[in-house]
């Protein structure tokens, strides 16, 4: 017997969430390059702050969909 896969509400917005995650991935790669290039530390921290805010937004969207059921 196959156990049915449970669908979570956030999956209705999956394409939007994945697009946001791809943007975060690009930001992370950019930050890695900045570190490799010995860029100014404040510039790196600014980019890390932006990445963190983007990740927080994805977390909130998923949590909101969980709460709304």
C-alpha atoms as a PDB file:
ATOM      1  CA  UNK A   1       0.000   0.000   0.000  1.00  0.00           C
ATOM      2  CA  UNK A   2       1.329   3.427  -0.958  1.00  0.00           C
ATOM      3  CA  UNK A   3       1.077   6.185   1.613  1.00  0.00           C
ATOM      4  CA  UNK A   4      -0.487   9.271   0.046  1.00  0.00           C
ATOM      5  CA  UNK A   5       1.708  12.353  -0.126  1.00  0.00           C
ATOM      6  CA  UNK A   6       0.369  15.152   2.019  1.00  0.00           C
ATOM      7  CA  UNK A   7      -0.010  18.468   0.234  1.00  0.00           C
ATOM      8  CA  UNK A   8       0.852  21.543   2.213  1.00  0.00           C
ATOM      9  CA  UNK A   9      -0.771  24.873   1.483  1.00  0.00           C
ATOM     10  CA  UNK A  10       2.529  26.568   0.619  1.00  0.00           C
ATOM     11  CA  UNK A  11       2.789  24.295  -2.411  1.00  0.00           C
ATOM     12  CA  UNK A  12       0.170  26.457  -4.146  1.00  0.00           C
ATOM     13  CA  UNK A  13       2.812  29.209  -4.167  1.00  0.00           C
ATOM     14  CA  UNK A  14       5.675  26.856  -4.924  1.00  0.00           C
ATOM     15  CA  UNK A  15       6.841  28.618  -8.093  1.00  0.00           C
ATOM     16  CA  UNK A  16       7.001  31.965  -6.286  1.00  0.00           C
ATOM     17  CA  UNK A  17       8.856  30.451  -3.344  1.00  0.00           C
ATOM     18  CA  UNK A  18      11.313  28.680  -5.622  1.00  0.00           C
ATOM     19  CA  UNK A  19      11.952  31.912  -7.535  1.00  0.00           C
ATOM     20  CA  UNK A  20      12.737  33.632  -4.244  1.00  0.00           C
ATOM     21  CA  UNK A  21      15.062  30.787  -3.258  1.00  0.00           C
ATOM     22  CA  UNK A  22      16.891  31.005  -6.585  1.00  0.00           C
ATOM     23  CA  UNK A  23      17.387  34.725  -5.958  1.00  0.00           C
ATOM     24  CA  UNK A  24      18.789  33.917  -2.501  1.00  0.00           C
ATOM     25  CA  UNK A  25      21.081  31.338  -4.084  1.00  0.00           C
ATOM     26  CA  UNK A  26      22.342  33.991  -6.496  1.00  0.00           C
ATOM     27  CA  UNK A  27      22.904  36.401  -3.628  1.00  0.00           C
ATOM     28  CA  UNK A  28      24.901  33.756  -1.748  1.00  0.00           C
ATOM     29  CA  UNK A  29      27.082  33.085  -4.784  1.00  0.00           C
ATOM     30  CA  UNK A  30      27.628  36.813  -5.197  1.00  0.00           C
ATOM     31  CA  UNK A  31      28.692  37.123  -1.568  1.00  0.00           C
ATOM     32  CA  UNK A  32      31.091  34.211  -1.983  1.00  0.00           C
ATOM     33  CA  UNK A  33      32.634  36.014  -4.938  1.00  0.00           C
ATOM     34  CA  UNK A  34      32.883  39.228  -2.927  1.00  0.00           C
ATOM     35  CA  UNK A  35      34.812  37.370  -0.225  1.00  0.00           C
ATOM     36  CA  UNK A  36      37.085  35.752  -2.818  1.00  0.00           C
ATOM     37  CA  UNK A  37      37.718  39.204  -4.318  1.00  0.00           C
ATOM     38  CA  UNK A  38      38.582  40.679  -0.893  1.00  0.00           C
ATOM     39  CA  UNK A  39      35.786  43.246  -1.151  1.00  0.00           C
ATOM     40  CA  UNK A  40      35.166  45.851   1.542  1.00  0.00           C
ATOM     41  CA  UNK A  41      33.718  44.205   4.649  1.00  0.00           C
ATOM     42  CA  UNK A  42      30.809  46.645   5.013  1.00  0.00           C
ATOM     43  CA  UNK A  43      29.699  45.864   1.447  1.00  0.00           C
ATOM     44  CA  UNK A  44      29.726  42.159   2.282  1.00  0.00           C
ATOM     45  CA  UNK A  45      27.753  42.721   5.474  1.00  0.00           C
ATOM     46  CA  UNK A  46      25.164  44.750   3.538  1.00  0.00           C
ATOM     47  CA  UNK A  47      24.701  41.893   1.105  1.00  0.00           C
ATOM     48  CA  UNK A  48      24.452  39.391   3.956  1.00  0.00           C
ATOM     49  CA  UNK A  49      21.756  41.563   5.528  1.00  0.00           C
ATOM     50  CA  UNK A  50      19.813  41.557   2.254  1.00  0.00           C
ATOM     51  CA  UNK A  51      20.174  37.780   1.968  1.00  0.00           C
ATOM     52  CA  UNK A  52      18.967  37.336   5.535  1.00  0.00           C
ATOM     53  CA  UNK A  53      15.933  39.555   4.902  1.00  0.00           C
ATOM     54  CA  UNK A  54      15.065  37.578   1.771  1.00  0.00           C
ATOM     55  CA  UNK A  55      15.310  34.285   3.682  1.00  0.00           C
ATOM     56  CA  UNK A  56      13.158  35.714   6.477  1.00  0.00           C
ATOM     57  CA  UNK A  57      10.506  36.668   3.915  1.00  0.00           C
ATOM     58  CA  UNK A  58      10.394  33.112   2.543  1.00  0.00           C
ATOM     59  CA  UNK A  59      10.091  31.783   6.095  1.00  0.00           C
ATOM     60  CA  UNK A  60       7.208  34.148   6.817  1.00  0.00           C
ATOM     61  CA  UNK A  61       5.362  33.179   3.645  1.00  0.00           C
ATOM     62  CA  UNK A  62       5.633  29.489   4.491  1.00  0.00           C
ATOM     63  CA  UNK A  63       4.618  30.085   8.104  1.00  0.00           C
ATOM     64  CA  UNK A  64       1.627  32.211   7.049  1.00  0.00           C
ATOM     65  CA  UNK A  65       0.404  29.446   4.774  1.00  0.00           C
ATOM     66  CA  UNK A  66       0.795  26.978   7.635  1.00  0.00           C
ATOM     67  CA  UNK A  67      -1.223  29.155  10.010  1.00  0.00           C
ATOM     68  CA  UNK A  68      -3.947  29.769   7.430  1.00  0.00           C
ATOM     69  CA  UNK A  69      -4.160  26.016   6.986  1.00  0.00           C
END
